[in-house]
Amino acid sequence: MKRNLKLQDLSETDRQLVEIALSASRSAYAPYSGFSVGAAARCSTGELFIGANLENASYGLSICAEVSVIATANTSGSLNIDTIAVVGRQTRHSEVGCQVVVPCG
């Protein structure tokens, strides 16, 4: 069953995580798709990490935002991720069309 939640339906901490993911999307490198994605992860310790998609002309070498944030948390020694928020948008410099997106893989 597909269920859509509004941002205001989320807890304050989850809304903050979505906002952090949106901010992280500004660091994305998406010259080919024009679709910038940011991710934010909250670990069981409360630590927060961010990641963004990094495209390559050879799409197979691209890194999605979810992998980016998990790698960042892991290399920092935080292995227990509780929550991940992922936000995608059409352009690097616009908030228009911003949406929470499903994980890429």
C-alpha atoms as a PDB file:
ATOM      1  CA  MET A   1       0.000   0.000   0.000  1.00  0.00           C
ATOM      2  CA  LYS A   2       1.460   3.342  -1.059  1.00  0.00           C
ATOM      3  CA  ARG A   3       1.253   5.990   1.624  1.00  0.00           C
ATOM      4  CA  ASN A   4       2.232   9.614   1.253  1.00  0.00           C
ATOM      5  CA  LEU A   5       3.130  11.667   4.295  1.00  0.00           C
ATOM      6  CA  LYS A   6       3.315  15.414   4.455  1.00  0.00           C
ATOM      7  CA  LEU A   7       6.397  17.003   5.962  1.00  0.00           C
ATOM      8  CA  GLN A   8       4.339  18.331   8.871  1.00  0.00           C
ATOM      9  CA  ASP A   9       3.220  14.749   9.660  1.00  0.00           C
ATOM     10  CA  LEU A  10       6.795  13.788  10.553  1.00  0.00           C
ATOM     11  CA  SER A  11       8.358  14.181  13.974  1.00  0.00           C
ATOM     12  CA  GLU A  12      10.466  17.293  14.543  1.00  0.00           C
ATOM     13  CA  THR A  13      13.685  15.245  14.416  1.00  0.00           C
ATOM     14  CA  ASP A  14      12.657  13.603  11.128  1.00  0.00           C
ATOM     15  CA  ARG A  15      11.696  16.988   9.624  1.00  0.00           C
ATOM     16  CA  GLN A  16      15.135  18.273  10.577  1.00  0.00           C
ATOM     17  CA  LEU A  17      16.726  15.249   8.900  1.00  0.00           C
ATOM     18  CA  VAL A  18      14.790  16.011   5.693  1.00  0.00           C
ATOM     19  CA  GLU A  19      15.983  19.639   5.826  1.00  0.00           C
ATOM     20  CA  ILE A  20      19.575  18.467   6.286  1.00  0.00           C
ATOM     21  CA  ALA A  21      19.169  16.134   3.280  1.00  0.00           C
ATOM     22  CA  LEU A  22      17.856  19.067   1.234  1.00  0.00           C
ATOM     23  CA  SER A  23      20.883  21.099   2.227  1.00  0.00           C
ATOM     24  CA  ALA A  24      23.161  18.188   1.274  1.00  0.00           C
ATOM     25  CA  SER A  25      21.588  18.083  -2.208  1.00  0.00           C
ATOM     26  CA  ARG A  26      23.268  21.434  -2.890  1.00  0.00           C
ATOM     27  CA  SER A  27      26.601  19.572  -2.854  1.00  0.00           C
ATOM     28  CA  ALA A  28      25.496  17.097  -5.522  1.00  0.00           C
ATOM     29  CA  TYR A  29      27.340  16.850  -8.815  1.00  0.00           C
ATOM     30  CA  ALA A  30      24.636  16.084 -11.368  1.00  0.00           C
ATOM     31  CA  PRO A  31      25.575  17.641 -14.731  1.00  0.00           C
ATOM     32  CA  TYR A  32      24.089  14.770 -16.757  1.00  0.00           C
ATOM     33  CA  SER A  33      20.699  14.088 -15.174  1.00  0.00           C
ATOM     34  CA  GLY A  34      20.109  17.545 -13.726  1.00  0.00           C
ATOM     35  CA  PHE A  35      18.667  15.755 -10.677  1.00  0.00           C
ATOM     36  CA  SER A  36      20.489  16.583  -7.452  1.00  0.00           C
ATOM     37  CA  VAL A  37      20.001  14.220  -4.527  1.00  0.00           C
ATOM     38  CA  GLY A  38      21.009  14.687  -0.918  1.00  0.00           C
ATOM     39  CA  ALA A  39      20.841  12.231   1.954  1.00  0.00           C
ATOM     40  CA  ALA A  40      21.125  12.607   5.704  1.00  0.00           C
ATOM     41  CA  ALA A  41      21.610   9.760   8.168  1.00  0.00           C
ATOM     42  CA  ARG A  42      21.019   9.708  11.900  1.00  0.00           C
ATOM     43  CA  CYS A  43      22.928   7.024  13.804  1.00  0.00           C
ATOM     44  CA  SER A  44      21.948   5.335  17.056  1.00  0.00           C
ATOM     45  CA  THR A  45      24.431   7.624  18.828  1.00  0.00           C
ATOM     46  CA  GLY A  46      22.581  10.692  17.509  1.00  0.00           C
ATOM     47  CA  GLU A  47      25.408  11.589  15.122  1.00  0.00           C
ATOM     48  CA  LEU A  48      24.333  13.049  11.774  1.00  0.00           C
ATOM     49  CA  PHE A  49      26.013  12.485   8.421  1.00  0.00           C
ATOM     50  CA  ILE A  50      25.334  13.806   4.926  1.00  0.00           C
ATOM     51  CA  GLY A  51      25.951  12.602   1.395  1.00  0.00           C
ATOM     52  CA  ALA A  52      25.055  13.600  -2.165  1.00  0.00           C
ATOM     53  CA  ASN A  53      24.933  11.994  -5.589  1.00  0.00           C
ATOM     54  CA  LEU A  54      28.066  12.290  -7.712  1.00  0.00           C
ATOM     55  CA  GLU A  55      27.539  11.582 -11.396  1.00  0.00           C
ATOM     56  CA  ASN A  56      30.015  10.372 -13.968  1.00  0.00           C
ATOM     57  CA  ALA A  57      29.644  10.337 -17.755  1.00  0.00           C
ATOM     58  CA  SER A  58      29.722   6.564 -17.345  1.00  0.00           C
ATOM     59  CA  TYR A  59      26.579   6.184 -15.216  1.00  0.00           C
ATOM     60  CA  GLY A  60      27.838   2.914 -13.741  1.00  0.00           C
ATOM     61  CA  LEU A  61      30.566   4.873 -11.966  1.00  0.00           C
ATOM     62  CA  SER A  62      28.109   7.346 -10.423  1.00  0.00           C
ATOM     63  CA  ILE A  63      27.547   7.303  -6.668  1.00  0.00           C
ATOM     64  CA  CYS A  64      24.046   7.742  -5.325  1.00  0.00           C
ATOM     65  CA  ALA A  65      23.399   9.891  -2.252  1.00  0.00           C
ATOM     66  CA  GLU A  66      22.413   6.915  -0.098  1.00  0.00           C
ATOM     67  CA  VAL A  67      25.695   5.114  -0.748  1.00  0.00           C
ATOM     68  CA  SER A  68      27.550   8.364  -0.159  1.00  0.00           C
ATOM     69  CA  VAL A  69      25.989   8.953   3.274  1.00  0.00           C
ATOM     70  CA  ILE A  70      26.394   5.315   4.357  1.00  0.00           C
ATOM     71  CA  ALA A  71      30.071   5.373   3.321  1.00  0.00           C
ATOM     72  CA  THR A  72      30.614   8.631   5.211  1.00  0.00           C
ATOM     73  CA  ALA A  73      29.037   7.245   8.386  1.00  0.00           C
ATOM     74  CA  ASN A  74      30.922   3.970   8.059  1.00  0.00           C
ATOM     75  CA  THR A  75      34.335   5.539   7.521  1.00  0.00           C
ATOM     76  CA  SER A  76      33.669   7.750  10.554  1.00  0.00           C
ATOM     77  CA  GLY A  77      33.130   4.629  12.658  1.00  0.00           C
ATOM     78  CA  SER A  78      29.339   4.899  12.947  1.00  0.00           C
ATOM     79  CA  LEU A  79      27.896   1.579  11.832  1.00  0.00           C
ATOM     80  CA  ASN A  80      24.403   1.720  13.364  1.00  0.00           C
ATOM     81  CA  ILE A  81      22.237   3.973  11.198  1.00  0.00           C
ATOM     82  CA  ASP A  82      18.706   4.463  12.516  1.00  0.00           C
ATOM     83  CA  THR A  83      17.153   6.739   9.900  1.00  0.00           C
ATOM     84  CA  ILE A  84      18.011   8.026   6.437  1.00  0.00           C
ATOM     85  CA  ALA A  85      16.220  10.867   4.636  1.00  0.00           C
ATOM     86  CA  VAL A  86      16.696  11.289   0.887  1.00  0.00           C
ATOM     87  CA  VAL A  87      15.649  14.432  -1.010  1.00  0.00           C
ATOM     88  CA  GLY A  88      15.875  15.034  -4.749  1.00  0.00           C
ATOM     89  CA  ARG A  89      15.320  18.120  -6.861  1.00  0.00           C
ATOM     90  CA  GLN A  90      15.537  19.072 -10.513  1.00  0.00           C
ATOM     91  CA  THR A  91      18.276  21.692 -10.407  1.00  0.00           C
ATOM     92  CA  ARG A  92      21.212  22.556  -8.191  1.00  0.00           C
ATOM     93  CA  HIS A  93      20.046  26.108  -7.548  1.00  0.00           C
ATOM     94  CA  SER A  94      16.299  25.807  -7.123  1.00  0.00           C
ATOM     95  CA  GLU A  95      13.992  24.546  -4.399  1.00  0.00           C
ATOM     96  CA  VAL A  96      11.163  24.240  -6.946  1.00  0.00           C
ATOM     97  CA  GLY A  97      10.146  20.648  -7.471  1.00  0.00           C
ATOM     98  CA  CYS A  98      11.826  19.451  -4.290  1.00  0.00           C
ATOM     99  CA  GLN A  99      10.598  16.051  -3.142  1.00  0.00           C
ATOM    100  CA  VAL A 100      11.434  13.175  -0.878  1.00  0.00           C
ATOM    101  CA  VAL A 101      12.533  10.301  -3.111  1.00  0.00           C
ATOM    102  CA  VAL A 102      12.786   6.545  -2.725  1.00  0.00           C
ATOM    103  CA  PRO A 103      16.227   4.936  -2.350  1.00  0.00           C
ATOM    104  CA  CYS A 104      18.037   4.084  -5.573  1.00  0.00           C
ATOM    105  CA  GLY A 105      19.115   0.625  -4.613  1.00  0.00           C
END
